[in-house]
Amino acid sequence: GEFEAGISKDGQTREHALLAFTLGVRQLIVAVNKMDTTKWSEDRFNEIIKETSNFIKKVGYNPKAVAFVPISGWHGDNMLEESPNMTWY
C-alpha cells in the first residue's frame, strides 16, 4: 500500500524523516493518515507505529519520544477534535 511505498528504500516518508533530522528537527509528531480506509483499525495503526519506529530510530530519533496520531484528513478525524471513530486512541 501507500504506507509501504513511503517507507521503502527510496520512499518519500523515509526521505522526509532523514531530511528533518539532518536539518535539526528533534521533536517529531507522526500523523498516521487515511485511517478511514482501514475502518479505523487499531491493529493497522499499531503495525504502522512498529514499522515507522524501526526506521526513524535508524535515522536518529527516539521512537518512544515521538507522538503517533491516527487521523483521517478526508473526514477530519482527530484533526481538531477527538474522533468517535477511534475511541481506542
Protein backbone atom coordinates (compact mmCIF):
# COMPACT_ATOMS: atom_id res chain seq x y z
CA GLY A 1 0.00 0.00 0.00
CA GLU A 2 0.90 3.66 0.19
CA PHE A 3 2.48 3.33 3.63
CA GLU A 4 4.78 0.56 2.46
CA ALA A 5 5.82 2.63 -0.57
CA GLY A 6 6.59 5.61 1.67
CA ILE A 7 8.93 3.68 3.95
CA SER A 8 10.60 1.66 1.19
CA LYS A 9 14.31 2.22 0.50
CA ASP A 10 13.63 5.21 -1.76
CA GLY A 11 10.33 6.21 -0.15
CA GLN A 12 9.30 9.79 0.48
CA THR A 13 8.44 9.21 4.16
CA ARG A 14 11.90 7.84 4.84
CA GLU A 15 13.46 10.74 2.93
CA HIS A 16 11.45 13.33 4.89
CA ALA A 17 12.43 11.82 8.25
CA LEU A 18 16.11 11.84 7.32
CA LEU A 19 15.90 15.39 5.98
CA ALA A 20 14.11 16.64 9.12
CA PHE A 21 16.72 15.07 11.40
CA THR A 22 19.59 16.37 9.27
CA LEU A 23 18.14 19.89 9.42
CA GLY A 24 17.99 19.75 13.21
CA VAL A 25 14.35 18.88 13.84
CA ARG A 26 14.44 16.92 17.10
CA GLN A 27 10.77 16.76 18.05
CA LEU A 28 8.56 14.74 15.77
CA ILE A 29 4.83 14.09 15.53
CA VAL A 30 3.75 11.39 13.10
CA ALA A 31 0.20 11.71 11.76
CA VAL A 32 -0.96 8.31 10.53
CA ASN A 33 -3.41 9.39 7.83
CA LYS A 34 -6.15 7.55 5.94
CA MET A 35 -7.32 5.61 8.98
CA ASP A 36 -10.79 5.68 7.41
CA THR A 37 -9.53 3.33 4.68
CA THR A 38 -8.66 0.74 7.34
CA LYS A 39 -12.03 1.16 9.07
CA TRP A 40 -10.15 2.91 11.89
CA SER A 41 -8.21 -0.28 12.70
CA GLU A 42 -6.16 -0.13 15.90
CA ASP A 43 -4.18 -3.16 14.70
CA ARG A 44 -3.16 -1.39 11.49
CA PHE A 45 -2.24 1.75 13.45
CA ASN A 46 -0.01 -0.31 15.77
CA GLU A 47 1.57 -2.07 12.79
CA ILE A 48 2.43 1.30 11.25
CA ILE A 49 3.87 2.55 14.56
CA LYS A 50 6.09 -0.52 14.78
CA GLU A 51 7.40 -0.26 11.21
CA THR A 52 7.85 3.52 11.38
CA SER A 53 9.62 3.30 14.74
CA ASN A 54 12.17 0.90 13.25
CA PHE A 55 13.28 3.28 10.53
CA ILE A 56 13.10 6.56 12.46
CA LYS A 57 15.34 5.00 15.09
CA LYS A 58 17.93 4.33 12.37
CA VAL A 59 17.68 7.99 11.33
CA GLY A 60 18.44 9.12 14.89
CA TYR A 61 15.06 9.69 16.53
CA ASN A 62 13.97 8.04 19.77
CA PRO A 63 10.65 6.37 18.82
CA LYS A 64 9.48 6.47 22.44
CA ALA A 65 9.64 10.28 22.33
CA VAL A 66 7.67 10.51 19.06
CA ALA A 67 3.92 11.12 19.15
CA PHE A 68 1.89 8.99 16.73
CA VAL A 69 -1.62 10.27 15.99
CA PRO A 70 -4.20 8.33 13.95
CA ILE A 71 -6.10 10.69 11.64
CA SER A 72 -8.33 10.86 8.62
CA GLY A 73 -7.70 14.06 6.74
CA TRP A 74 -10.60 13.31 4.40
CA HIS A 75 -13.12 13.08 7.25
CA GLY A 76 -11.30 15.39 9.69
CA ASP A 77 -10.99 12.67 12.33
CA ASN A 78 -8.56 13.59 15.16
CA MET A 79 -7.54 16.73 13.30
CA LEU A 80 -9.07 19.34 15.63
CA GLU A 81 -11.19 17.23 17.95
CA GLU A 82 -11.14 13.67 19.23
CA SER A 83 -12.79 11.25 16.85
CA PRO A 84 -15.60 8.93 17.92
CA ASN A 85 -14.28 6.53 15.26
CA MET A 86 -11.04 5.86 17.16
CA THR A 87 -12.11 5.61 20.79
CA TRP A 88 -9.16 3.26 21.35
CA TYR A 89 -6.73 6.20 20.91
